[in-house]
Amino acid sequence: MKKGIHPEYYEINVTTTDGKTVKMYSSVKKDLVLSTDNLNHPAWTGQRNNEGAKGSKFAGFNF
């Protein structure tokens, strides 16, 4: 690998929606607090909510 082209990596804390903190590495020196993760996202929980869909996902646009 070429030297000097890769970013620095810093150890950060990532806090999940249930309050657990996990240490990870990131090129951004800033701790993260997640608002969505596998505990509450419909893709993992299986709870879909289609209340906003009215026949078409483009129903609100005027083309």
N, C-alpha and C. Protein backbone atom coordinates (compact mmCIF):
# COMPACT_ATOMS: atom_id res chain seq x y z
N MET A 1 0.83 -1.19 0.00
CA MET A 1 0.00 0.00 0.00
C MET A 1 0.87 1.24 0.00
N LYS A 2 0.35 2.29 -0.62
CA LYS A 2 1.07 3.55 -0.63
C LYS A 2 1.01 4.19 0.75
N LYS A 3 2.08 4.80 1.14
CA LYS A 3 2.11 5.48 2.43
C LYS A 3 1.56 6.89 2.28
N GLY A 4 0.90 7.37 3.34
CA GLY A 4 0.43 8.75 3.39
C GLY A 4 -0.89 9.02 2.70
N ILE A 5 -1.54 8.01 2.14
CA ILE A 5 -2.83 8.27 1.47
C ILE A 5 -4.02 7.76 2.27
N HIS A 6 -3.78 7.01 3.33
CA HIS A 6 -4.87 6.45 4.12
C HIS A 6 -5.16 7.34 5.32
N PRO A 7 -6.43 7.46 5.69
CA PRO A 7 -6.78 8.32 6.82
C PRO A 7 -6.35 7.71 8.15
N GLU A 8 -6.22 8.55 9.14
CA GLU A 8 -5.96 8.09 10.51
C GLU A 8 -7.23 7.45 11.05
N TYR A 9 -7.09 6.43 11.89
CA TYR A 9 -8.25 5.80 12.52
C TYR A 9 -8.20 6.04 14.01
N TYR A 10 -9.37 6.35 14.58
CA TYR A 10 -9.49 6.66 15.99
C TYR A 10 -10.48 5.70 16.62
N GLU A 11 -10.26 5.36 17.88
CA GLU A 11 -11.21 4.52 18.61
C GLU A 11 -12.34 5.42 19.10
N ILE A 12 -13.59 5.05 18.75
CA ILE A 12 -14.75 5.83 19.15
C ILE A 12 -15.74 4.93 19.89
N ASN A 13 -16.69 5.55 20.55
CA ASN A 13 -17.78 4.83 21.21
C ASN A 13 -19.04 5.00 20.38
N VAL A 14 -19.71 3.87 20.11
CA VAL A 14 -20.99 3.90 19.39
C VAL A 14 -22.05 3.41 20.37
N THR A 15 -23.05 4.27 20.62
CA THR A 15 -24.12 3.93 21.56
C THR A 15 -25.35 3.52 20.77
N THR A 16 -25.87 2.31 21.04
CA THR A 16 -27.04 1.80 20.34
C THR A 16 -28.31 2.32 21.00
N THR A 17 -29.46 2.01 20.40
CA THR A 17 -30.73 2.54 20.90
C THR A 17 -31.11 2.00 22.26
N ASP A 18 -30.56 0.87 22.66
CA ASP A 18 -30.87 0.34 23.99
C ASP A 18 -29.86 0.80 25.04
N GLY A 19 -28.94 1.68 24.67
CA GLY A 19 -28.00 2.25 25.62
C GLY A 19 -26.66 1.54 25.72
N LYS A 20 -26.48 0.45 25.02
CA LYS A 20 -25.20 -0.26 25.05
C LYS A 20 -24.16 0.54 24.28
N THR A 21 -22.92 0.49 24.75
CA THR A 21 -21.83 1.19 24.09
C THR A 21 -20.83 0.17 23.55
N VAL A 22 -20.45 0.36 22.30
CA VAL A 22 -19.51 -0.53 21.63
C VAL A 22 -18.34 0.32 21.13
N LYS A 23 -17.13 -0.19 21.29
CA LYS A 23 -15.95 0.51 20.79
C LYS A 23 -15.71 0.08 19.35
N MET A 24 -15.48 1.05 18.47
CA MET A 24 -15.19 0.82 17.06
C MET A 24 -14.10 1.78 16.62
N TYR A 25 -13.65 1.60 15.40
CA TYR A 25 -12.67 2.50 14.83
C TYR A 25 -13.30 3.28 13.68
N SER A 26 -12.95 4.56 13.59
CA SER A 26 -13.49 5.42 12.56
C SER A 26 -12.45 6.44 12.15
N SER A 27 -12.58 6.95 10.93
CA SER A 27 -11.68 8.01 10.50
C SER A 27 -12.18 9.37 10.99
N VAL A 28 -13.39 9.41 11.54
CA VAL A 28 -13.95 10.63 12.12
C VAL A 28 -13.79 10.53 13.63
N LYS A 29 -13.16 11.50 14.23
CA LYS A 29 -12.87 11.47 15.66
C LYS A 29 -14.09 12.01 16.43
N LYS A 30 -15.18 11.23 16.42
CA LYS A 30 -16.41 11.68 17.07
C LYS A 30 -17.23 10.45 17.49
N ASP A 31 -17.70 10.44 18.75
CA ASP A 31 -18.55 9.35 19.20
C ASP A 31 -19.91 9.43 18.51
N LEU A 32 -20.55 8.27 18.30
CA LEU A 32 -21.84 8.21 17.62
C LEU A 32 -22.92 7.71 18.57
N VAL A 33 -24.12 8.29 18.44
CA VAL A 33 -25.31 7.80 19.14
C VAL A 33 -26.31 7.47 18.05
N LEU A 34 -26.65 6.19 17.93
CA LEU A 34 -27.53 5.74 16.86
C LEU A 34 -28.99 6.00 17.19
N SER A 35 -29.75 6.44 16.19
CA SER A 35 -31.20 6.59 16.37
C SER A 35 -31.93 5.41 15.75
N THR A 36 -31.26 4.66 14.88
CA THR A 36 -31.82 3.48 14.25
C THR A 36 -30.75 2.40 14.21
N ASP A 37 -31.12 1.21 14.62
CA ASP A 37 -30.21 0.07 14.52
C ASP A 37 -31.03 -1.20 14.39
N ASN A 38 -30.42 -2.36 14.51
CA ASN A 38 -31.13 -3.61 14.30
C ASN A 38 -32.20 -3.89 15.36
N LEU A 39 -32.25 -3.10 16.43
CA LEU A 39 -33.26 -3.32 17.47
C LEU A 39 -34.60 -2.66 17.13
N ASN A 40 -34.58 -1.64 16.27
CA ASN A 40 -35.84 -0.94 16.00
C ASN A 40 -36.10 -0.68 14.52
N HIS A 41 -35.26 -1.14 13.61
CA HIS A 41 -35.49 -0.92 12.18
C HIS A 41 -36.38 -2.02 11.62
N PRO A 42 -37.40 -1.66 10.82
CA PRO A 42 -38.34 -2.66 10.29
C PRO A 42 -37.69 -3.76 9.47
N ALA A 43 -36.54 -3.50 8.87
CA ALA A 43 -35.88 -4.55 8.08
C ALA A 43 -35.44 -5.71 8.96
N TRP A 44 -35.15 -5.45 10.23
CA TRP A 44 -34.73 -6.52 11.14
C TRP A 44 -35.84 -6.97 12.07
N THR A 45 -36.78 -6.09 12.40
CA THR A 45 -37.83 -6.46 13.34
C THR A 45 -39.00 -7.15 12.66
N GLY A 46 -39.15 -6.93 11.33
CA GLY A 46 -40.26 -7.54 10.60
C GLY A 46 -41.55 -6.79 10.76
N GLN A 47 -41.53 -5.63 11.38
CA GLN A 47 -42.75 -4.84 11.59
C GLN A 47 -42.77 -3.71 10.57
N ARG A 48 -43.51 -3.92 9.50
CA ARG A 48 -43.59 -2.90 8.46
C ARG A 48 -44.76 -1.97 8.74
N ASN A 49 -44.58 -0.73 8.34
CA ASN A 49 -45.63 0.26 8.50
C ASN A 49 -45.81 0.96 7.16
N ASN A 50 -46.89 0.66 6.47
CA ASN A 50 -47.14 1.24 5.16
C ASN A 50 -48.27 2.27 5.20
N GLU A 51 -48.46 2.93 6.32
CA GLU A 51 -49.55 3.89 6.43
C GLU A 51 -49.41 5.05 5.46
N GLY A 52 -48.19 5.46 5.14
CA GLY A 52 -47.98 6.60 4.26
C GLY A 52 -48.16 6.28 2.79
N ALA A 53 -48.13 5.02 2.41
CA ALA A 53 -48.24 4.65 1.00
C ALA A 53 -49.71 4.65 0.59
N LYS A 54 -50.03 5.42 -0.45
CA LYS A 54 -51.42 5.47 -0.94
C LYS A 54 -51.45 5.04 -2.39
N GLY A 55 -51.17 3.78 -2.63
CA GLY A 55 -51.23 3.25 -3.98
C GLY A 55 -49.91 3.29 -4.71
N SER A 56 -49.17 4.36 -4.55
CA SER A 56 -47.91 4.49 -5.26
C SER A 56 -46.92 5.26 -4.39
N LYS A 57 -45.67 4.89 -4.47
CA LYS A 57 -44.69 5.62 -3.67
C LYS A 57 -44.42 7.01 -4.25
N PHE A 58 -44.90 7.28 -5.47
CA PHE A 58 -44.72 8.59 -6.08
C PHE A 58 -46.04 9.38 -6.13
N ALA A 59 -47.01 9.00 -5.31
CA ALA A 59 -48.34 9.61 -5.37
C ALA A 59 -48.30 11.12 -5.08
N GLY A 60 -47.39 11.58 -4.24
CA GLY A 60 -47.34 12.98 -3.86
C GLY A 60 -46.64 13.89 -4.85
N PHE A 61 -46.04 13.32 -5.90
CA PHE A 61 -45.30 14.11 -6.88
C PHE A 61 -46.17 14.44 -8.08
N ASN A 62 -45.97 15.61 -8.63
CA ASN A 62 -46.67 15.99 -9.86
C ASN A 62 -45.66 15.98 -11.00
N PHE A 63 -45.77 15.00 -11.88
CA PHE A 63 -44.84 14.89 -13.00
C PHE A 63 -45.44 15.50 -14.24
